[in-house]
């Protein structure tokens, strides 16, 4: 697999919460967790299960920060 995204983090699937069309996939990455919202079809096509090794790919044109005043 070749991809242009630079933010690629290896992780392990901790939990999959399926809805009617969308699934939230929680992944352990470097001592923290990240959650990706993907289609249920994608979960099935990728064969994702708890414990699956995955690559989290983050592609975003903007990253925002906020503070409380």
N, C-alpha and C. Protein backbone atom coordinates (compact mmCIF):
# COMPACT_ATOMS: atom_id res chain seq x y z
N UNK A 1 0.85 -1.18 0.00
CA UNK A 1 0.00 0.00 0.00
C UNK A 1 0.89 1.24 0.00
N UNK A 2 0.61 2.14 -0.90
CA UNK A 2 1.27 3.44 -0.93
C UNK A 2 0.20 4.49 -0.79
N UNK A 3 0.51 5.52 0.01
CA UNK A 3 -0.47 6.59 0.25
C UNK A 3 0.29 7.89 0.51
N UNK A 4 -0.31 9.00 0.12
CA UNK A 4 0.38 10.29 0.25
C UNK A 4 0.28 10.88 1.65
N UNK A 5 -0.65 10.43 2.47
CA UNK A 5 -0.82 10.98 3.82
C UNK A 5 0.45 10.74 4.64
N UNK A 6 0.85 11.74 5.39
CA UNK A 6 2.06 11.63 6.21
C UNK A 6 1.77 11.19 7.64
N UNK A 7 0.56 11.38 8.10
CA UNK A 7 0.21 11.06 9.49
C UNK A 7 -0.35 9.64 9.55
N UNK A 8 0.55 8.67 9.70
CA UNK A 8 0.19 7.26 9.74
C UNK A 8 0.66 6.69 11.07
N UNK A 9 -0.28 6.16 11.85
CA UNK A 9 0.04 5.67 13.18
C UNK A 9 -0.42 4.21 13.32
N UNK A 10 0.48 3.30 13.69
CA UNK A 10 0.07 1.93 13.89
C UNK A 10 -0.73 1.80 15.19
N UNK A 11 -1.74 0.95 15.17
CA UNK A 11 -2.56 0.76 16.36
C UNK A 11 -3.26 -0.57 16.35
N UNK A 12 -4.05 -0.82 17.42
CA UNK A 12 -4.78 -2.06 17.57
C UNK A 12 -6.23 -1.72 17.92
N UNK A 13 -7.18 -2.35 17.24
CA UNK A 13 -8.60 -2.10 17.48
C UNK A 13 -8.96 -2.59 18.88
N UNK A 14 -9.54 -1.69 19.69
CA UNK A 14 -9.99 -2.03 21.03
C UNK A 14 -11.47 -2.35 21.09
N UNK A 15 -12.26 -1.60 20.28
CA UNK A 15 -13.71 -1.74 20.39
C UNK A 15 -14.35 -1.30 19.08
N UNK A 16 -15.42 -1.99 18.70
CA UNK A 16 -16.20 -1.60 17.52
C UNK A 16 -17.65 -1.48 17.97
N UNK A 17 -18.22 -0.29 17.79
CA UNK A 17 -19.61 -0.04 18.12
C UNK A 17 -20.36 0.19 16.83
N UNK A 18 -21.20 -0.78 16.47
CA UNK A 18 -21.92 -0.71 15.18
C UNK A 18 -23.27 -0.03 15.34
N UNK A 19 -23.57 0.85 14.40
CA UNK A 19 -24.89 1.43 14.28
C UNK A 19 -25.55 0.86 13.04
N UNK A 20 -26.60 1.49 12.57
CA UNK A 20 -27.31 1.00 11.39
C UNK A 20 -26.43 1.09 10.14
N UNK A 21 -25.73 2.20 9.98
CA UNK A 21 -24.90 2.40 8.79
C UNK A 21 -23.45 2.73 9.11
N UNK A 22 -23.21 3.29 10.31
CA UNK A 22 -21.89 3.74 10.70
C UNK A 22 -21.40 2.97 11.92
N UNK A 23 -20.11 2.72 11.96
CA UNK A 23 -19.49 2.07 13.12
C UNK A 23 -18.40 2.98 13.67
N UNK A 24 -18.31 3.05 14.99
CA UNK A 24 -17.21 3.76 15.64
C UNK A 24 -16.17 2.72 16.02
N UNK A 25 -14.97 2.89 15.50
CA UNK A 25 -13.88 1.94 15.74
C UNK A 25 -12.86 2.64 16.63
N UNK A 26 -12.72 2.15 17.86
CA UNK A 26 -11.78 2.72 18.82
C UNK A 26 -10.46 1.96 18.71
N UNK A 27 -9.38 2.73 18.53
CA UNK A 27 -8.07 2.15 18.28
C UNK A 27 -7.08 2.67 19.33
N UNK A 28 -6.30 1.75 19.91
CA UNK A 28 -5.23 2.14 20.83
C UNK A 28 -4.00 2.51 20.00
N UNK A 29 -3.51 3.74 20.24
CA UNK A 29 -2.36 4.26 19.49
C UNK A 29 -1.42 4.94 20.48
N UNK A 30 -0.24 4.41 20.64
CA UNK A 30 0.82 5.05 21.44
C UNK A 30 0.32 5.51 22.81
N UNK A 31 -0.35 4.64 23.53
CA UNK A 31 -0.80 4.95 24.89
C UNK A 31 -2.05 5.81 24.97
N UNK A 32 -2.70 6.06 23.88
CA UNK A 32 -3.96 6.81 23.88
C UNK A 32 -4.94 6.11 22.96
N UNK A 33 -6.16 6.61 22.91
CA UNK A 33 -7.14 6.02 22.00
C UNK A 33 -7.64 7.05 21.01
N UNK A 34 -7.96 6.57 19.83
CA UNK A 34 -8.56 7.39 18.78
C UNK A 34 -9.78 6.64 18.28
N UNK A 35 -10.80 7.37 17.85
CA UNK A 35 -11.99 6.74 17.33
C UNK A 35 -12.23 7.22 15.90
N UNK A 36 -12.43 6.25 15.02
CA UNK A 36 -12.73 6.55 13.62
C UNK A 36 -14.17 6.15 13.35
N UNK A 37 -14.91 7.02 12.67
CA UNK A 37 -16.28 6.71 12.23
C UNK A 37 -16.19 6.24 10.79
N UNK A 38 -16.53 4.98 10.57
CA UNK A 38 -16.48 4.39 9.23
C UNK A 38 -17.81 3.67 8.97
N UNK A 39 -18.05 3.30 7.74
CA UNK A 39 -19.29 2.58 7.45
C UNK A 39 -19.18 1.15 7.98
N UNK A 40 -20.33 0.57 8.29
CA UNK A 40 -20.39 -0.82 8.72
C UNK A 40 -19.86 -1.72 7.59
N UNK A 41 -20.16 -1.36 6.35
CA UNK A 41 -19.63 -2.11 5.21
C UNK A 41 -18.10 -2.12 5.22
N UNK A 42 -17.48 -0.99 5.55
CA UNK A 42 -16.02 -0.93 5.60
C UNK A 42 -15.45 -1.83 6.70
N UNK A 43 -16.12 -1.87 7.84
CA UNK A 43 -15.68 -2.76 8.92
C UNK A 43 -15.67 -4.19 8.42
N UNK A 44 -16.73 -4.58 7.73
CA UNK A 44 -16.83 -5.95 7.22
C UNK A 44 -15.82 -6.21 6.11
N UNK A 45 -15.69 -5.27 5.17
CA UNK A 45 -14.76 -5.46 4.04
C UNK A 45 -13.31 -5.54 4.50
N UNK A 46 -12.96 -4.78 5.54
CA UNK A 46 -11.59 -4.80 6.07
C UNK A 46 -11.37 -5.95 7.04
N UNK A 47 -12.45 -6.63 7.43
CA UNK A 47 -12.34 -7.75 8.37
C UNK A 47 -11.92 -7.30 9.76
N UNK A 48 -12.35 -6.10 10.16
CA UNK A 48 -11.95 -5.57 11.46
C UNK A 48 -12.61 -6.31 12.61
N UNK A 49 -11.82 -6.61 13.62
CA UNK A 49 -12.27 -7.26 14.85
C UNK A 49 -11.47 -6.65 15.99
N UNK A 50 -11.94 -6.82 17.22
CA UNK A 50 -11.15 -6.39 18.37
C UNK A 50 -9.82 -7.13 18.31
N UNK A 51 -8.73 -6.40 18.46
CA UNK A 51 -7.40 -6.98 18.38
C UNK A 51 -6.75 -6.85 17.01
N UNK A 52 -7.51 -6.44 15.99
CA UNK A 52 -6.93 -6.27 14.66
C UNK A 52 -5.85 -5.20 14.66
N UNK A 53 -4.75 -5.47 13.98
CA UNK A 53 -3.70 -4.47 13.78
C UNK A 53 -4.13 -3.59 12.62
N UNK A 54 -4.09 -2.27 12.81
CA UNK A 54 -4.51 -1.34 11.78
C UNK A 54 -3.50 -0.20 11.68
N UNK A 55 -3.63 0.56 10.63
CA UNK A 55 -2.86 1.78 10.47
C UNK A 55 -3.86 2.93 10.46
N UNK A 56 -3.76 3.82 11.44
CA UNK A 56 -4.62 4.99 11.51
C UNK A 56 -4.01 6.05 10.61
N UNK A 57 -4.77 6.51 9.65
CA UNK A 57 -4.27 7.52 8.71
C UNK A 57 -5.10 8.78 8.91
N UNK A 58 -4.41 9.87 9.22
CA UNK A 58 -5.09 11.14 9.49
C UNK A 58 -4.77 12.09 8.36
N UNK A 59 -5.81 12.52 7.67
CA UNK A 59 -5.65 13.47 6.57
C UNK A 59 -6.62 14.62 6.83
N UNK A 60 -6.08 15.76 7.10
CA UNK A 60 -6.92 16.90 7.42
C UNK A 60 -6.26 18.17 6.91
N UNK A 61 -7.07 19.04 6.37
CA UNK A 61 -6.52 20.31 5.90
C UNK A 61 -6.42 21.32 7.02
N UNK A 62 -7.15 21.12 8.11
CA UNK A 62 -7.13 22.05 9.24
C UNK A 62 -7.07 21.30 10.55
N UNK A 63 -6.29 21.83 11.47
CA UNK A 63 -6.28 21.37 12.85
C UNK A 63 -6.51 22.61 13.70
N UNK A 64 -7.54 22.56 14.55
CA UNK A 64 -7.88 23.73 15.35
C UNK A 64 -7.64 23.47 16.84
N UNK A 65 -7.32 24.52 17.55
CA UNK A 65 -7.16 24.47 19.00
C UNK A 65 -8.08 25.48 19.63
N UNK A 66 -8.52 25.21 20.86
CA UNK A 66 -9.38 26.15 21.58
C UNK A 66 -8.97 26.17 23.04
N UNK A 67 -9.20 27.32 23.68
CA UNK A 67 -8.97 27.45 25.12
C UNK A 67 -10.19 28.14 25.71
N UNK A 68 -10.41 27.87 26.97
CA UNK A 68 -11.49 28.57 27.69
C UNK A 68 -10.97 29.91 28.15
N UNK A 69 -11.76 30.97 27.96
CA UNK A 69 -11.36 32.31 28.43
C UNK A 69 -11.68 32.50 29.87
